[in-house]
Protein backbone atom coordinates (compact mmCIF):
# COMPACT_ATOMS: atom_id res chain seq x y z
CA MET A 1 -0.83 6.41 -10.30
CA ARG A 2 -2.96 6.08 -7.17
CA LYS A 3 -1.28 6.71 -3.82
CA HIS A 4 -2.55 6.48 -0.24
CA GLU A 5 -1.22 7.40 3.19
CA ASN A 6 -1.64 4.68 5.78
CA GLY A 7 -0.92 4.05 9.45
CA VAL A 8 0.53 1.92 12.23
CA ILE A 9 -0.54 -1.54 13.32
CA SER A 10 0.97 -3.35 16.31
CA MET A 11 0.88 -7.12 16.07
CA ALA A 12 1.08 -9.64 18.89
CA LEU A 13 2.30 -12.93 17.45
CA SER A 14 3.46 -16.17 19.00
CA HIS A 15 6.32 -18.50 18.12
CA GLY A 16 7.47 -21.51 20.09
CA GLY A 17 5.01 -20.64 22.85
CA ARG A 18 6.44 -17.12 23.34
CA ALA A 19 4.60 -13.87 22.72
CA LEU A 20 6.28 -11.68 20.09
CA ASP A 21 5.77 -7.96 19.54
CA LEU A 22 6.02 -6.32 16.12
CA SER A 23 5.00 -2.89 14.89
CA VAL A 24 4.17 -2.44 11.21
CA THR A 25 3.97 1.11 9.88
CA VAL A 26 2.66 1.33 6.32
CA THR A 27 3.66 4.83 5.22
CA VAL A 28 2.46 4.75 1.62
CA SER A 29 0.67 2.36 -0.70
CA GLY A 30 -0.29 2.80 -4.31
CA CYS A 31 -1.00 1.30 -7.70
CA TYR A 32 1.38 2.04 -10.57
CA PRO A 33 0.62 1.44 -14.28
CA VAL A 34 3.72 1.07 -16.47
CA VAL A 35 3.20 2.88 -19.78
CA ALA A 36 6.54 1.95 -21.38
CA ASP A 37 9.47 -0.40 -20.80
CA VAL A 38 11.50 1.28 -18.07
CA SER A 39 14.21 0.56 -15.54
CA TYR A 40 13.80 2.14 -12.12
CA ILE A 41 16.67 2.48 -9.67
CA HIS A 42 15.51 2.14 -6.06
CA PRO A 43 18.25 3.65 -3.83
CA ALA A 44 18.71 2.05 -0.42
CA PRO A 45 15.65 3.35 1.48
CA SER A 46 14.96 3.31 5.21
CA PHE A 47 11.74 1.34 4.64
CA ASN A 48 10.74 -2.06 3.26
CA ARG A 49 8.82 -2.49 0.01
CA LEU A 50 6.14 -5.06 -0.84
CA PHE A 51 5.16 -5.56 -4.51
CA VAL A 52 2.09 -7.36 -5.89
CA PHE A 53 1.70 -7.39 -9.67
CA VAL A 54 -1.75 -6.99 -11.15
CA ARG A 55 -0.59 -7.81 -14.69
CA GLY A 56 2.59 -7.98 -16.72
CA GLY A 57 5.87 -8.20 -14.83
CA GLY A 58 9.56 -7.57 -15.08
CA GLU A 59 12.84 -8.34 -13.40
CA LEU A 60 14.37 -7.26 -10.10
CA ARG A 61 18.15 -6.98 -10.02
CA ILE A 62 20.52 -6.66 -7.05
CA GLU A 63 24.27 -6.56 -7.47
CA GLY A 64 25.79 -9.97 -6.77
CA VAL A 65 22.42 -11.74 -6.57
CA THR A 66 20.58 -13.86 -9.17
CA PRO A 67 17.87 -11.70 -10.84
CA CYS A 68 14.32 -12.38 -9.71
CA ARG A 69 11.41 -12.53 -12.12
CA LEU A 70 8.44 -10.37 -11.12
CA VAL A 71 5.11 -11.95 -12.08
CA PRO A 72 1.49 -11.88 -10.84
CA GLY A 73 0.42 -14.41 -8.22
CA ASN A 74 3.39 -13.63 -5.96
CA LEU A 75 4.32 -11.20 -3.19
CA PHE A 76 7.82 -9.72 -3.35
CA LEU A 77 9.43 -8.08 -0.31
CA MET A 78 12.55 -5.93 -0.59
CA PRO A 79 14.13 -5.35 2.85
CA ALA A 80 15.10 -1.85 3.95
CA GLY A 81 18.55 -0.55 3.14
CA GLN A 82 19.07 -2.50 -0.08
CA THR A 83 19.58 -0.83 -3.44
CA PHE A 84 17.95 -2.60 -6.36
CA VAL A 85 16.86 -2.05 -9.96
CA CYS A 86 13.52 -3.09 -11.44
CA ASP A 87 13.03 -3.54 -15.18
CA TYR A 88 9.30 -3.04 -15.73
CA GLN A 89 7.54 -4.25 -18.89
CA GLN A 90 5.16 -1.99 -20.80
CA GLY A 91 1.53 -2.63 -19.85
CA SER A 92 2.41 -3.92 -16.40
CA GLU A 93 0.64 -2.72 -13.29
CA PHE A 94 1.58 -3.35 -9.68
CA ILE A 95 0.45 -2.48 -6.17
CA TYR A 96 3.11 -1.45 -3.68
CA PHE A 97 3.33 -0.93 0.06
CA HIS A 98 6.14 1.00 1.77
CA PHE A 99 6.41 -0.09 5.39
CA GLU A 100 8.62 -0.17 8.45
CA LEU A 101 8.79 -3.35 10.50
CA ALA A 102 10.01 -2.65 14.02
CA ASP A 103 10.95 -5.22 16.64
CA ALA A 104 10.25 -4.86 20.36
CA PHE A 105 13.24 -2.50 20.65
CA GLY A 106 11.93 -0.22 17.90
CA LEU A 107 14.71 -1.26 15.48
CA GLU A 108 14.06 -2.27 11.85
CA LEU A 109 13.70 -6.06 11.93
CA LEU A 110 14.99 -6.75 8.40
CA SER A 111 17.88 -4.29 8.20
CA ASP A 112 20.58 -6.93 8.62
CA LEU A 113 19.42 -9.42 6.01
CA PRO A 114 21.87 -10.38 3.24
CA PRO A 115 21.12 -8.87 -0.20
CA GLY A 116 18.11 -10.46 -1.85
CA VAL A 117 14.35 -10.38 -2.31
CA LEU A 118 11.86 -12.42 -0.27
CA ARG A 119 9.28 -14.10 -2.51
CA LEU A 120 5.97 -15.72 -1.55
CA ALA A 121 4.09 -17.72 -4.19
CA ALA A 122 0.48 -17.12 -3.10
CA PRO A 123 -1.93 -16.70 -6.05
CA GLU A 124 -5.06 -16.53 -3.88
CA LEU A 125 -3.62 -13.97 -1.44
CA ALA A 126 -2.20 -11.87 -4.28
CA ALA A 127 -5.60 -11.88 -6.03
CA GLU A 128 -7.30 -10.93 -2.76
CA ILE A 129 -4.98 -7.92 -2.34
CA VAL A 130 -5.44 -6.83 -5.96
CA ASN A 131 -9.23 -7.16 -5.92
CA ALA A 132 -9.55 -5.36 -2.59
CA TYR A 133 -7.24 -2.51 -3.60
CA GLN A 134 -9.05 -1.92 -6.88
CA ARG A 135 -12.34 -1.32 -5.06
CA GLN A 136 -11.12 2.22 -4.26
CA GLU A 137 -13.05 2.59 -1.02
CA LEU A 138 -12.11 2.48 2.65
CA GLU A 139 -13.21 -1.12 3.17
CA GLY A 140 -11.22 -2.19 0.11
CA MET A 141 -8.11 -0.34 1.28
CA LEU A 142 -8.35 -1.98 4.71
CA ARG A 143 -8.81 -5.43 3.20
CA ALA A 144 -5.84 -4.90 0.89
CA GLN A 145 -3.72 -3.77 3.82
CA ALA A 146 -4.83 -6.78 5.87
CA GLY A 147 -3.82 -9.03 2.99
CA ALA A 148 -0.45 -7.31 2.80
CA PHE A 149 0.08 -7.86 6.56
CA ASP A 150 -0.82 -11.52 6.12
CA GLY A 151 1.76 -11.80 3.35
CA ILE A 152 4.41 -9.99 5.38
CA CYS A 153 3.88 -12.39 8.29
CA GLN A 154 4.25 -15.39 6.00
CA LEU A 155 7.37 -13.94 4.38
CA ILE A 156 9.14 -13.20 7.66
CA ALA A 157 7.98 -16.31 9.57
CA PRO A 158 11.14 -18.27 8.62
CA LEU A 159 13.18 -15.49 10.25
CA PHE A 160 11.48 -15.79 13.64
CA GLN A 161 13.85 -18.46 14.96
CA ASP A 162 16.93 -16.25 14.60
CA ARG A 163 15.17 -13.03 15.59
CA GLU A 164 12.84 -14.22 18.34
CA TRP A 165 14.88 -12.41 21.01
CA ARG A 166 14.27 -9.13 19.16
CA MET A 167 10.51 -9.52 19.51
CA ALA A 168 10.22 -10.66 23.12
CA VAL A 169 11.26 -8.10 25.74
CA PRO A 170 10.55 -8.78 29.45
CA ALA A 171 7.81 -6.59 30.89
CA LYS A 172 10.21 -4.83 33.30
CA TYR A 173 12.20 -3.43 30.36
CA ARG A 174 9.41 -2.92 27.82
CA ALA A 175 8.42 0.54 29.10
CA ALA A 176 12.01 1.75 28.76
CA PHE A 177 12.31 0.70 25.12
CA ASN A 178 8.87 2.06 24.29
CA HIS A 179 10.04 5.34 25.83
CA ALA A 180 13.20 5.24 23.70
CA VAL A 181 11.16 4.81 20.51
CA ARG A 182 8.67 7.57 21.34
CA HIS A 183 11.27 10.06 22.60
CA SER A 184 14.29 9.31 20.42
CA ARG A 185 16.48 12.42 20.39
CA ALA A 186 20.15 13.34 20.64
CA SER A 187 19.86 14.14 24.37
CA LEU A 188 18.21 10.83 25.35
CA THR A 189 20.48 9.11 27.90
CA VAL A 190 20.99 5.66 29.33
CA LYS A 191 20.17 7.13 32.76
CA GLU A 192 16.75 8.28 31.49
CA LEU A 193 15.92 4.80 30.14
CA ALA A 194 17.09 3.17 33.36
CA GLN A 195 14.83 5.46 35.39
CA VAL A 196 11.84 4.49 33.23
CA ALA A 197 12.68 0.80 33.73
CA GLY A 198 13.24 1.29 37.46
CA VAL A 199 16.72 -0.27 37.37
CA SER A 200 20.27 1.04 37.49
CA ARG A 201 22.14 2.07 34.35
CA GLY A 202 24.51 -0.86 34.86
CA VAL A 203 21.70 -3.42 35.07
CA LEU A 204 20.00 -2.10 31.93
CA SER A 205 23.27 -1.88 30.00
CA LYS A 206 24.34 -5.40 30.93
CA TRP A 207 20.93 -6.87 30.06
CA LEU A 208 20.79 -5.24 26.63
CA GLN A 209 24.41 -6.14 25.85
CA ARG A 210 23.80 -9.75 26.88
CA GLU A 211 20.52 -10.11 24.96
CA THR A 212 21.39 -8.22 21.78
CA GLY A 213 25.13 -7.73 21.70
CA ILE A 214 24.47 -4.00 21.26
CA PRO A 215 25.72 -1.43 23.79
CA VAL A 216 22.97 0.91 25.00
CA LYS A 217 24.59 3.98 23.45
CA GLU A 218 24.80 2.22 20.09
CA TYR A 219 21.14 1.20 20.42
CA LEU A 220 20.14 4.82 21.02
CA ALA A 221 22.28 5.93 18.08
CA ARG A 222 20.55 3.41 15.76
CA LEU A 223 17.11 4.57 16.85
CA LEU A 224 18.10 8.18 16.26
CA MET A 225 19.51 7.39 12.81
CA GLN A 226 16.31 5.56 11.81
CA LYS A 227 14.37 8.70 12.71
CA ALA A 228 16.89 10.86 10.84
CA LEU A 229 16.58 8.72 7.70
CA ARG A 230 12.79 9.02 7.77
CA LEU A 231 12.96 12.80 8.10
CA VAL A 232 15.69 13.28 5.48
CA GLY A 233 14.26 10.86 2.94
CA GLY A 234 10.56 11.48 3.56
CA THR A 235 10.16 15.23 4.19
CA ASP A 236 11.24 18.49 2.61
CA LYS A 237 12.70 19.88 5.84
CA THR A 238 16.20 21.33 5.66
CA ALA A 239 19.09 19.47 7.26
CA LYS A 240 19.33 22.19 9.88
CA GLU A 241 15.62 21.90 10.72
CA ILE A 242 16.00 18.14 11.06
CA ALA A 243 19.05 18.53 13.29
CA VAL A 244 17.06 20.83 15.59
CA GLU A 245 14.07 18.46 15.62
CA LEU A 246 16.35 15.59 16.61
CA GLY A 247 17.77 17.63 19.46
CA PHE A 248 21.27 18.38 18.18
CA ASP A 249 22.74 21.58 19.60
CA ASP A 250 25.24 21.72 16.72
CA PRO A 251 23.81 21.00 13.23
CA LEU A 252 27.34 20.42 11.93
CA TYR A 253 27.76 17.52 14.35
CA PHE A 254 24.53 16.02 12.98
CA PHE A 255 25.82 16.40 9.41
CA ARG A 256 29.06 14.61 10.29
CA LEU A 257 27.26 11.84 12.19
CA PHE A 258 24.81 11.28 9.35
CA LYS A 259 27.62 11.03 6.79
CA ARG A 260 29.61 8.66 9.00
CA ARG A 261 26.58 6.37 9.39
CA THR A 262 25.28 6.47 5.81
CA GLY A 263 28.24 7.46 3.67
CA ARG A 264 26.32 10.51 2.41
CA THR A 265 25.47 13.97 3.67
CA PRO A 266 21.77 14.47 4.52
CA MET A 267 21.04 16.32 1.28
CA ALA A 268 23.04 13.84 -0.80
CA TYR A 269 21.01 11.02 0.76
CA ARG A 270 17.77 12.83 -0.05
CA ALA A 271 18.95 13.41 -3.62
CA ALA A 272 19.73 9.70 -3.98
CA VAL A 273 16.26 8.77 -2.72
CA MET A 274 14.57 11.26 -5.04
CA ALA A 275 16.79 10.61 -8.07
CA GLY A 276 15.74 7.05 -8.79
CA ALA A 277 14.82 8.32 -12.23
CA TYR A 278 13.21 6.22 -14.90
CA GLU A 279 15.60 5.26 -17.67
CA PRO A 280 15.01 3.42 -20.97
CA ALA A 281 14.99 -0.30 -20.34
CA VAL A 282 16.72 -2.92 -22.43
CA PRO A 283 13.91 -5.06 -23.89
CA ALA A 284 13.90 -8.40 -22.10
CA THR A 285 13.34 -11.79 -23.70
CA PRO A 286 11.71 -14.68 -21.79
CA GLU A 287 15.12 -16.36 -21.58
CA ALA A 288 16.53 -13.28 -19.84
CA LEU A 289 14.00 -13.56 -17.02
CA PRO A 290 15.04 -16.32 -14.57
CA GLU A 291 12.29 -17.98 -12.58
CA GLY A 292 13.31 -16.17 -9.38
CA HIS A 293 14.23 -17.68 -6.02
């Protein structure tokens, strides 16, 4: 299995004549060859996943949702926070990208989608990503990543209408939300954000509540929890070390907050992320693989 660390790209898009701001952070990408029929449980992660099959295929299953057939020539996007199971066929090979997609407020754009996979039938784009990735050089990696970004934009374009407000923040408030993303910590206050924006706490609170329906304190809590999920699920730091890094004076309060927000303790969440163990798959017949949606 080949695996690569990646980086952050900020995108300025337009929709309906308005400028939209998105930040895409590709944390890891890789190419995985499947040596035997296996089922892999993907616990609800804090990041999105993009799959492009080189050969072979399989089936993606989500509880309560029609199974989706995984085949070459398509891009499949699994939004953050959704648990799913993939049944991979022996001899298959796929390229994957783990990424975070943040709106202008720094919040995960796809976290509130209903259960399901986003599918883009794009044989030429899929082939471009595969061919570029297999070149195993910097230019190839960059081309593959550019292709993945193109696919992500096409996949999320239908969502722009409902989420446009999350990607267009007035200039007077943008500095405050950028500050919140860069300095997310337990001690970050509404007063501090208001000072950065140059407005009163009341003005900032009312604007955010009106535009998003989210109270400022809840917004700060969501940002902090996103950071906590990344640290718990993506590092080997202890829960106490993470609590200190996030600015909690009392690690026990962090443990309780994390469990209240996720339903698991920090270490139980990490164990769930790490324990998506491969299990023997039930051999699938063509009839058992619906055409997807």
